[in-house]
Amino acid sequence: MRAGKLVTGDEGVMAAIKSGETKLVIVAEDASDNTRKKFKDKCSYYRVPLIEFGTRDELGASIGKAERVVIAVTDKGFAHMLEKCRKLPEV
């Protein structure tokens, strides 16, 4: 967050997806069905990878903010690293 490589909030993330700057979207698993569908559809259309992960409290805590439902990653390297970590098998 401090590096300026994240965008949060429905409107901010949606604008970042449409502008082409988003490399990865993370949506909280406890987001509403409507929110999850809206971002899945938009990410699919713009070919942006989407991960459903954690709760809104966990997403917020991970970036040092209050609860967050959706986060956009705008840095390609950071997005790739997060996707790679997500695919690692659990031990």
PDB file of N, CA and C in Angstrom:
ATOM      1  N   MET A   1       0.837  -1.192   0.000  1.00  0.00           N
ATOM      2  CA  MET A   1       0.000   0.000   0.000  1.00  0.00           C
ATOM      3  C   MET A   1       0.878   1.250   0.000  1.00  0.00           C
ATOM      4  N   ARG A   2       1.927   1.223   0.811  1.00  0.00           N
ATOM      5  CA  ARG A   2       2.811   2.390   0.891  1.00  0.00           C
ATOM      6  C   ARG A   2       3.531   2.666  -0.423  1.00  0.00           C
ATOM      7  N   ALA A   3       3.746   1.626  -1.202  1.00  0.00           N
ATOM      8  CA  ALA A   3       4.437   1.798  -2.484  1.00  0.00           C
ATOM      9  C   ALA A   3       3.520   2.396  -3.553  1.00  0.00           C
ATOM     10  N   GLY A   4       2.241   2.513  -3.247  1.00  0.00           N
ATOM     11  CA  GLY A   4       1.301   3.081  -4.215  1.00  0.00           C
ATOM     12  C   GLY A   4       0.926   2.122  -5.324  1.00  0.00           C
ATOM     13  N   LYS A   5       1.025   0.834  -5.067  1.00  0.00           N
ATOM     14  CA  LYS A   5       0.751  -0.176  -6.090  1.00  0.00           C
ATOM     15  C   LYS A   5      -0.584  -0.884  -5.886  1.00  0.00           C
ATOM     16  N   LEU A   6      -1.411  -0.368  -4.966  1.00  0.00           N
ATOM     17  CA  LEU A   6      -2.719  -0.957  -4.698  1.00  0.00           C
ATOM     18  C   LEU A   6      -3.803   0.096  -4.841  1.00  0.00           C
ATOM     19  N   VAL A   7      -4.969  -0.356  -5.257  1.00  0.00           N
ATOM     20  CA  VAL A   7      -6.162   0.491  -5.312  1.00  0.00           C
ATOM     21  C   VAL A   7      -7.237  -0.259  -4.549  1.00  0.00           C
ATOM     22  N   THR A   8      -7.996   0.444  -3.703  1.00  0.00           N
ATOM     23  CA  THR A   8      -9.060  -0.207  -2.944  1.00  0.00           C
ATOM     24  C   THR A   8     -10.381   0.510  -3.166  1.00  0.00           C
ATOM     25  N   GLY A   9     -11.451  -0.175  -2.804  1.00  0.00           N
ATOM     26  CA  GLY A   9     -12.786   0.395  -2.950  1.00  0.00           C
ATOM     27  C   GLY A   9     -13.398   0.059  -4.295  1.00  0.00           C
ATOM     28  N   ASP A  10     -14.699  -0.172  -4.299  1.00  0.00           N
ATOM     29  CA  ASP A  10     -15.418  -0.571  -5.514  1.00  0.00           C
ATOM     30  C   ASP A  10     -15.132   0.343  -6.705  1.00  0.00           C
ATOM     31  N   GLU A  11     -15.353   1.628  -6.521  1.00  0.00           N
ATOM     32  CA  GLU A  11     -15.225   2.567  -7.634  1.00  0.00           C
ATOM     33  C   GLU A  11     -13.786   2.688  -8.117  1.00  0.00           C
ATOM     34  N   GLY A  12     -12.838   2.771  -7.180  1.00  0.00           N
ATOM     35  CA  GLY A  12     -11.434   2.896  -7.544  1.00  0.00           C
ATOM     36  C   GLY A  12     -10.922   1.675  -8.287  1.00  0.00           C
ATOM     37  N   VAL A  13     -11.298   0.490  -7.795  1.00  0.00           N
ATOM     38  CA  VAL A  13     -10.861  -0.748  -8.444  1.00  0.00           C
ATOM     39  C   VAL A  13     -11.511  -0.879  -9.819  1.00  0.00           C
ATOM     40  N   MET A  14     -12.778  -0.563  -9.921  1.00  0.00           N
ATOM     41  CA  MET A  14     -13.474  -0.659 -11.210  1.00  0.00           C
ATOM     42  C   MET A  14     -12.823   0.281 -12.227  1.00  0.00           C
ATOM     43  N   ALA A  15     -12.488   1.488 -11.809  1.00  0.00           N
ATOM     44  CA  ALA A  15     -11.836   2.442 -12.716  1.00  0.00           C
ATOM     45  C   ALA A  15     -10.454   1.935 -13.130  1.00  0.00           C
ATOM     46  N   ALA A  16      -9.726   1.335 -12.192  1.00  0.00           N
ATOM     47  CA  ALA A  16      -8.392   0.806 -12.498  1.00  0.00           C
ATOM     48  C   ALA A  16      -8.469  -0.365 -13.472  1.00  0.00           C
ATOM     49  N   ILE A  17      -9.496  -1.198 -13.343  1.00  0.00           N
ATOM     50  CA  ILE A  17      -9.683  -2.318 -14.271  1.00  0.00           C
ATOM     51  C   ILE A  17      -9.951  -1.765 -15.674  1.00  0.00           C
ATOM     52  N   LYS A  18     -10.876  -0.825 -15.770  1.00  0.00           N
ATOM     53  CA  LYS A  18     -11.254  -0.267 -17.072  1.00  0.00           C
ATOM     54  C   LYS A  18     -10.105   0.472 -17.744  1.00  0.00           C
ATOM     55  N   SER A  19      -9.233   1.091 -16.952  1.00  0.00           N
ATOM     56  CA  SER A  19      -8.116   1.856 -17.523  1.00  0.00           C
ATOM     57  C   SER A  19      -6.966   0.959 -17.976  1.00  0.00           C
ATOM     58  N   GLY A  20      -7.002  -0.306 -17.575  1.00  0.00           N
ATOM     59  CA  GLY A  20      -5.967  -1.240 -17.989  1.00  0.00           C
ATOM     60  C   GLY A  20      -4.755  -1.286 -17.077  1.00  0.00           C
ATOM     61  N   GLU A  21      -4.780  -0.530 -15.974  1.00  0.00           N
ATOM     62  CA  GLU A  21      -3.616  -0.521 -15.084  1.00  0.00           C
ATOM     63  C   GLU A  21      -3.614  -1.670 -14.083  1.00  0.00           C
ATOM     64  N   THR A  22      -4.727  -2.377 -13.924  1.00  0.00           N
ATOM     65  CA  THR A  22      -4.815  -3.455 -12.943  1.00  0.00           C
ATOM     66  C   THR A  22      -4.220  -4.742 -13.486  1.00  0.00           C
ATOM     67  N   LYS A  23      -3.375  -5.370 -12.669  1.00  0.00           N
ATOM     68  CA  LYS A  23      -2.739  -6.636 -13.043  1.00  0.00           C
ATOM     69  C   LYS A  23      -3.341  -7.819 -12.295  1.00  0.00           C
ATOM     70  N   LEU A  24      -4.025  -7.556 -11.171  1.00  0.00           N
ATOM     71  CA  LEU A  24      -4.646  -8.598 -10.350  1.00  0.00           C
ATOM     72  C   LEU A  24      -5.697  -7.961  -9.460  1.00  0.00           C
ATOM     73  N   VAL A  25      -6.824  -8.653  -9.291  1.00  0.00           N
ATOM     74  CA  VAL A  25      -7.868  -8.208  -8.371  1.00  0.00           C
ATOM     75  C   VAL A  25      -8.036  -9.275  -7.297  1.00  0.00           C
ATOM     76  N   ILE A  26      -8.125  -8.845  -6.048  1.00  0.00           N
ATOM     77  CA  ILE A  26      -8.377  -9.748  -4.927  1.00  0.00           C
ATOM     78  C   ILE A  26      -9.700  -9.341  -4.305  1.00  0.00           C
ATOM     79  N   VAL A  27     -10.627 -10.305  -4.213  1.00  0.00           N
ATOM     80  CA  VAL A  27     -11.949 -10.066  -3.636  1.00  0.00           C
ATOM     81  C   VAL A  27     -12.086 -10.931  -2.387  1.00  0.00           C
ATOM     82  N   ALA A  28     -12.613 -10.361  -1.325  1.00  0.00           N
ATOM     83  CA  ALA A  28     -12.820 -11.109  -0.088  1.00  0.00           C
ATOM     84  C   ALA A  28     -13.836 -12.224  -0.313  1.00  0.00           C
ATOM     85  N   GLU A  29     -13.568 -13.368   0.300  1.00  0.00           N
ATOM     86  CA  GLU A  29     -14.485 -14.506   0.173  1.00  0.00           C
ATOM     87  C   GLU A  29     -15.845 -14.214   0.793  1.00  0.00           C
ATOM     88  N   ASP A  30     -15.891 -13.280   1.757  1.00  0.00           N
ATOM     89  CA  ASP A  30     -17.174 -12.956   2.381  1.00  0.00           C
ATOM     90  C   ASP A  30     -17.846 -11.729   1.760  1.00  0.00           C
ATOM     91  N   ALA A  31     -17.392 -11.333   0.573  1.00  0.00           N
ATOM     92  CA  ALA A  31     -18.062 -10.253  -0.165  1.00  0.00           C
ATOM     93  C   ALA A  31     -19.432 -10.750  -0.609  1.00  0.00           C
ATOM     94  N   SER A  32     -20.322  -9.841  -0.868  1.00  0.00           N
ATOM     95  CA  SER A  32     -21.667 -10.236  -1.297  1.00  0.00           C
ATOM     96  C   SER A  32     -21.592 -10.942  -2.653  1.00  0.00           C
ATOM     97  N   ASP A  33     -22.590 -11.763  -2.929  1.00  0.00           N
ATOM     98  CA  ASP A  33     -22.649 -12.468  -4.212  1.00  0.00           C
ATOM     99  C   ASP A  33     -22.637 -11.479  -5.373  1.00  0.00           C
ATOM    100  N   ASN A  34     -23.357 -10.370  -5.214  1.00  0.00           N
ATOM    101  CA  ASN A  34     -23.428  -9.359  -6.263  1.00  0.00           C
ATOM    102  C   ASN A  34     -22.047  -8.744  -6.526  1.00  0.00           C
ATOM    103  N   THR A  35     -21.316  -8.433  -5.464  1.00  0.00           N
ATOM    104  CA  THR A  35     -19.984  -7.846  -5.616  1.00  0.00           C
ATOM    105  C   THR A  35     -19.038  -8.828  -6.276  1.00  0.00           C
ATOM    106  N   ARG A  36     -19.050 -10.077  -5.829  1.00  0.00           N
ATOM    107  CA  ARG A  36     -18.168 -11.080  -6.423  1.00  0.00           C
ATOM    108  C   ARG A  36     -18.482 -11.264  -7.907  1.00  0.00           C
ATOM    109  N   LYS A  37     -19.761 -11.329  -8.248  1.00  0.00           N
ATOM    110  CA  LYS A  37     -20.151 -11.494  -9.651  1.00  0.00           C
ATOM    111  C   LYS A  37     -19.732 -10.284 -10.494  1.00  0.00           C
ATOM    112  N   LYS A  38     -19.956  -9.095  -9.960  1.00  0.00           N
ATOM    113  CA  LYS A  38     -19.617  -7.869 -10.684  1.00  0.00           C
ATOM    114  C   LYS A  38     -18.126  -7.848 -11.036  1.00  0.00           C
ATOM    115  N   PHE A  39     -17.272  -8.176 -10.082  1.00  0.00           N
ATOM    116  CA  PHE A  39     -15.836  -8.134 -10.345  1.00  0.00           C
ATOM    117  C   PHE A  39     -15.365  -9.324 -11.171  1.00  0.00           C
ATOM    118  N   LYS A  40     -15.978 -10.492 -10.992  1.00  0.00           N
ATOM    119  CA  LYS A  40     -15.631 -11.639 -11.839  1.00  0.00           C
ATOM    120  C   LYS A  40     -15.943 -11.325 -13.297  1.00  0.00           C
ATOM    121  N   ASP A  41     -17.127 -10.775 -13.543  1.00  0.00           N
ATOM    122  CA  ASP A  41     -17.532 -10.434 -14.912  1.00  0.00           C
ATOM    123  C   ASP A  41     -16.615  -9.383 -15.525  1.00  0.00           C
ATOM    124  N   LYS A  42     -16.325  -8.323 -14.761  1.00  0.00           N
ATOM    125  CA  LYS A  42     -15.490  -7.238 -15.279  1.00  0.00           C
ATOM    126  C   LYS A  42     -14.064  -7.721 -15.523  1.00  0.00           C
ATOM    127  N   CYS A  43     -13.528  -8.518 -14.600  1.00  0.00           N
ATOM    128  CA  CYS A  43     -12.163  -9.041 -14.769  1.00  0.00           C
ATOM    129  C   CYS A  43     -12.092  -9.999 -15.952  1.00  0.00           C
ATOM    130  N   SER A  44     -13.128 -10.792 -16.125  1.00  0.00           N
ATOM    131  CA  SER A  44     -13.164 -11.710 -17.257  1.00  0.00           C
ATOM    132  C   SER A  44     -13.161 -10.923 -18.569  1.00  0.00           C
ATOM    133  N   TYR A  45     -13.973  -9.890 -18.645  1.00  0.00           N
ATOM    134  CA  TYR A  45     -14.074  -9.080 -19.857  1.00  0.00           C
ATOM    135  C   TYR A  45     -12.738  -8.405 -20.182  1.00  0.00           C
ATOM    136  N   TYR A  46     -12.080  -7.846 -19.162  1.00  0.00           N
ATOM    137  CA  TYR A  46     -10.821  -7.130 -19.369  1.00  0.00           C
ATOM    138  C   TYR A  46      -9.595  -8.033 -19.218  1.00  0.00           C
ATOM    139  N   ARG A  47      -9.822  -9.322 -19.036  1.00  0.00           N
ATOM    140  CA  ARG A  47      -8.746 -10.314 -18.912  1.00  0.00           C
ATOM    141  C   ARG A  47      -7.760  -9.985 -17.796  1.00  0.00           C
ATOM    142  N   VAL A  48      -8.330  -9.715 -16.627  1.00  0.00           N
ATOM    143  CA  VAL A  48      -7.537  -9.439 -15.431  1.00  0.00           C
ATOM    144  C   VAL A  48      -7.725 -10.625 -14.482  1.00  0.00           C
ATOM    145  N   PRO A  49      -6.638 -11.219 -13.988  1.00  0.00           N
ATOM    146  CA  PRO A  49      -6.781 -12.336 -13.056  1.00  0.00           C
ATOM    147  C   PRO A  49      -7.484 -11.888 -11.782  1.00  0.00           C
ATOM    148  N   LEU A  50      -8.292 -12.779 -11.221  1.00  0.00           N
ATOM    149  CA  LEU A  50      -9.021 -12.488  -9.994  1.00  0.00           C
ATOM    150  C   LEU A  50      -8.808 -13.633  -9.016  1.00  0.00           C
ATOM    151  N   ILE A  51      -8.554 -13.286  -7.766  1.00  0.00           N
ATOM    152  CA  ILE A  51      -8.406 -14.259  -6.689  1.00  0.00           C
ATOM    153  C   ILE A  51      -9.426 -13.923  -5.619  1.00  0.00           C
ATOM    154  N   GLU A  52     -10.130 -14.929  -5.141  1.00  0.00           N
ATOM    155  CA  GLU A  52     -10.977 -14.760  -3.959  1.00  0.00           C
ATOM    156  C   GLU A  52     -10.170 -15.282  -2.786  1.00  0.00           C
ATOM    157  N   PHE A  53      -9.956 -14.408  -1.793  1.00  0.00           N
ATOM    158  CA  PHE A  53      -9.081 -14.792  -0.696  1.00  0.00           C
ATOM    159  C   PHE A  53      -9.464 -14.085   0.596  1.00  0.00           C
ATOM    160  N   GLY A  54      -9.497 -14.832   1.675  1.00  0.00           N
ATOM    161  CA  GLY A  54      -9.671 -14.265   3.006  1.00  0.00           C
ATOM    162  C   GLY A  54     -10.992 -13.561   3.231  1.00  0.00           C
ATOM    163  N   THR A  55     -11.072 -12.970   4.398  1.00  0.00           N
ATOM    164  CA  THR A  55     -12.255 -12.188   4.763  1.00  0.00           C
ATOM    165  C   THR A  55     -11.949 -10.713   4.544  1.00  0.00           C
ATOM    166  N   ARG A  56     -12.968  -9.907   4.606  1.00  0.00           N
ATOM    167  CA  ARG A  56     -12.764  -8.461   4.448  1.00  0.00           C
ATOM    168  C   ARG A  56     -11.853  -7.907   5.542  1.00  0.00           C
ATOM    169  N   ASP A  57     -11.950  -8.470   6.759  1.00  0.00           N
ATOM    170  CA  ASP A  57     -11.063  -8.038   7.839  1.00  0.00           C
ATOM    171  C   ASP A  57      -9.618  -8.423   7.548  1.00  0.00           C
ATOM    172  N   GLU A  58      -9.407  -9.634   7.031  1.00  0.00           N
ATOM    173  CA  GLU A  58      -8.051 -10.088   6.710  1.00  0.00           C
ATOM    174  C   GLU A  58      -7.440  -9.277   5.573  1.00  0.00           C
ATOM    175  N   LEU A  59      -8.237  -8.956   4.563  1.00  0.00           N
ATOM    176  CA  LEU A  59      -7.724  -8.136   3.454  1.00  0.00           C
ATOM    177  C   LEU A  59      -7.318  -6.752   3.952  1.00  0.00           C
ATOM    178  N   GLY A  60      -8.162  -6.147   4.759  1.00  0.00           N
ATOM    179  CA  GLY A  60      -7.835  -4.835   5.306  1.00  0.00           C
ATOM    180  C   GLY A  60      -6.582  -4.880   6.160  1.00  0.00           C
ATOM    181  N   ALA A  61      -6.498  -5.868   7.038  1.00  0.00           N
ATOM    182  CA  ALA A  61      -5.338  -5.992   7.920  1.00  0.00           C
ATOM    183  C   ALA A  61      -4.059  -6.227   7.124  1.00  0.00           C
ATOM    184  N   SER A  62      -4.154  -6.941   6.015  1.00  0.00           N
ATOM    185  CA  SER A  62      -2.965  -7.244   5.217  1.00  0.00           C
ATOM    186  C   SER A  62      -2.355  -5.999   4.577  1.00  0.00           C
ATOM    187  N   ILE A  63      -3.136  -4.946   4.433  1.00  0.00           N
ATOM    188  CA  ILE A  63      -2.607  -3.703   3.851  1.00  0.00           C
ATOM    189  C   ILE A  63      -2.593  -2.560   4.869  1.00  0.00           C
ATOM    190  N   GLY A  64      -2.861  -2.880   6.130  1.00  0.00           N
ATOM    191  CA  GLY A  64      -2.800  -1.871   7.175  1.00  0.00           C
ATOM    192  C   GLY A  64      -3.956  -0.894   7.183  1.00  0.00           C
ATOM    193  N   LYS A  65      -5.100  -1.345   6.724  1.00  0.00           N
ATOM    194  CA  LYS A  65      -6.291  -0.491   6.674  1.00  0.00           C
ATOM    195  C   LYS A  65      -7.458  -1.188   7.365  1.00  0.00           C
ATOM    196  N   ALA A  66      -8.579  -0.480   7.462  1.00  0.00           N
ATOM    197  CA  ALA A  66      -9.808  -1.095   7.969  1.00  0.00           C
ATOM    198  C   ALA A  66     -10.268  -2.127   6.946  1.00  0.00           C
ATOM    199  N   GLU A  67     -11.331  -2.828   7.237  1.00  0.00           N
ATOM    200  CA  GLU A  67     -11.787  -3.898   6.339  1.00  0.00           C
ATOM    201  C   GLU A  67     -11.915  -3.423   4.896  1.00  0.00           C
ATOM    202  N   ARG A  68     -11.522  -4.308   3.976  1.00  0.00           N
ATOM    203  CA  ARG A  68     -11.600  -4.050   2.544  1.00  0.00           C
ATOM    204  C   ARG A  68     -12.222  -5.252   1.862  1.00  0.00           C
ATOM    205  N   VAL A  69     -13.084  -5.014   0.896  1.00  0.00           N
ATOM    206  CA  VAL A  69     -13.755  -6.089   0.169  1.00  0.00           C
ATOM    207  C   VAL A  69     -13.024  -6.409  -1.126  1.00  0.00           C
ATOM    208  N   VAL A  70     -12.438  -5.397  -1.749  1.00  0.00           N
ATOM    209  CA  VAL A  70     -11.767  -5.604  -3.032  1.00  0.00           C
ATOM    210  C   VAL A  70     -10.496  -4.763  -3.101  1.00  0.00           C
ATOM    211  N   ILE A  71      -9.446  -5.377  -3.656  1.00  0.00           N
ATOM    212  CA  ILE A  71      -8.154  -4.711  -3.817  1.00  0.00           C
ATOM    213  C   ILE A  71      -7.664  -4.969  -5.238  1.00  0.00           C
ATOM    214  N   ALA A  72      -7.134  -3.944  -5.892  1.00  0.00           N
ATOM    215  CA  ALA A  72      -6.501  -4.097  -7.204  1.00  0.00           C
ATOM    216  C   ALA A  72      -5.001  -3.883  -7.043  1.00  0.00           C
ATOM    217  N   VAL A  73      -4.230  -4.771  -7.639  1.00  0.00           N
ATOM    218  CA  VAL A  73      -2.778  -4.658  -7.648  1.00  0.00           C
ATOM    219  C   VAL A  73      -2.381  -4.093  -9.017  1.00  0.00           C
ATOM    220  N   THR A  74      -1.616  -3.008  -9.011  1.00  0.00           N
ATOM    221  CA  THR A  74      -1.273  -2.355 -10.276  1.00  0.00           C
ATOM    222  C   THR A  74       0.161  -2.620 -10.718  1.00  0.00           C
ATOM    223  N   ASP A  75       0.938  -3.323  -9.911  1.00  0.00           N
ATOM    224  CA  ASP A  75       2.317  -3.646 -10.266  1.00  0.00           C
ATOM    225  C   ASP A  75       2.391  -5.084 -10.776  1.00  0.00           C
ATOM    226  N   LYS A  76       2.933  -5.269 -11.976  1.00  0.00           N
ATOM    227  CA  LYS A  76       2.974  -6.585 -12.614  1.00  0.00           C
ATOM    228  C   LYS A  76       3.771  -7.600 -11.802  1.00  0.00           C
ATOM    229  N   GLY A  77       4.939  -7.209 -11.309  1.00  0.00           N
ATOM    230  CA  GLY A  77       5.782  -8.115 -10.532  1.00  0.00           C
ATOM    231  C   GLY A  77       5.130  -8.531  -9.229  1.00  0.00           C
ATOM    232  N   PHE A  78       4.521  -7.585  -8.536  1.00  0.00           N
ATOM    233  CA  PHE A  78       3.836  -7.873  -7.277  1.00  0.00           C
ATOM    234  C   PHE A  78       2.642  -8.790  -7.526  1.00  0.00           C
ATOM    235  N   ALA A  79       1.889  -8.530  -8.578  1.00  0.00           N
ATOM    236  CA  ALA A  79       0.737  -9.365  -8.925  1.00  0.00           C
ATOM    237  C   ALA A  79       1.190 -10.794  -9.232  1.00  0.00           C
ATOM    238  N   HIS A  80       2.266 -10.930  -9.993  1.00  0.00           N
ATOM    239  CA  HIS A  80       2.787 -12.258 -10.340  1.00  0.00           C
ATOM    240  C   HIS A  80       3.204 -13.014  -9.080  1.00  0.00           C
ATOM    241  N   MET A  81       3.878 -12.332  -8.159  1.00  0.00           N
ATOM    242  CA  MET A  81       4.311 -12.957  -6.919  1.00  0.00           C
ATOM    243  C   MET A  81       3.114 -13.428  -6.085  1.00  0.00           C
ATOM    244  N   LEU A  82       2.076 -12.620  -6.010  1.00  0.00           N
ATOM    245  CA  LEU A  82       0.886 -13.006  -5.251  1.00  0.00           C
ATOM    246  C   LEU A  82       0.189 -14.213  -5.875  1.00  0.00           C
ATOM    247  N   GLU A  83       0.097 -14.232  -7.198  1.00  0.00           N
ATOM    248  CA  GLU A  83      -0.515 -15.379  -7.878  1.00  0.00           C
ATOM    249  C   GLU A  83       0.306 -16.640  -7.653  1.00  0.00           C
ATOM    250  N   LYS A  84       1.606 -16.517  -7.709  1.00  0.00           N
ATOM    251  CA  LYS A  84       2.499 -17.651  -7.509  1.00  0.00           C
ATOM    252  C   LYS A  84       2.359 -18.199  -6.083  1.00  0.00           C
ATOM    253  N   CYS A  85       2.301 -17.314  -5.104  1.00  0.00           N
ATOM    254  CA  CYS A  85       2.143 -17.735  -3.702  1.00  0.00           C
ATOM    255  C   CYS A  85       0.793 -18.422  -3.493  1.00  0.00           C
ATOM    256  N   ARG A  86      -0.207 -17.964  -4.159  1.00  0.00           N
ATOM    257  CA  ARG A  86      -1.557 -18.529  -4.024  1.00  0.00           C
ATOM    258  C   ARG A  86      -1.591 -19.961  -4.549  1.00  0.00           C
ATOM    259  N   LYS A  87      -0.743 -20.299  -5.535  1.00  0.00           N
ATOM    260  CA  LYS A  87      -0.760 -21.619  -6.150  1.00  0.00           C
ATOM    261  C   LYS A  87       0.121 -22.632  -5.422  1.00  0.00           C
ATOM    262  N   LEU A  88       0.884 -22.181  -4.414  1.00  0.00           N
ATOM    263  CA  LEU A  88       1.735 -23.108  -3.685  1.00  0.00           C
ATOM    264  C   LEU A  88       0.889 -24.106  -2.896  1.00  0.00           C
ATOM    265  N   PRO A  89       1.287 -25.362  -2.848  1.00  0.00           N
ATOM    266  CA  PRO A  89       0.524 -26.343  -2.072  1.00  0.00           C
ATOM    267  C   PRO A  89       0.667 -26.085  -0.583  1.00  0.00           C
ATOM    268  N   GLU A  90      -0.407 -26.330   0.156  1.00  0.00           N
ATOM    269  CA  GLU A  90      -0.368 -26.151   1.597  1.00  0.00           C
ATOM    270  C   GLU A  90       0.341 -27.327   2.237  1.00  0.00           C
ATOM    271  N   VAL A  91       1.105 -27.046   3.275  1.00  0.00           N
ATOM    272  CA  VAL A  91       1.865 -28.097   3.956  1.00  0.00           C
ATOM    273  C   VAL A  91       1.186 -28.464   5.249  1.00  0.00           C
TER     274      VAL A  91
END
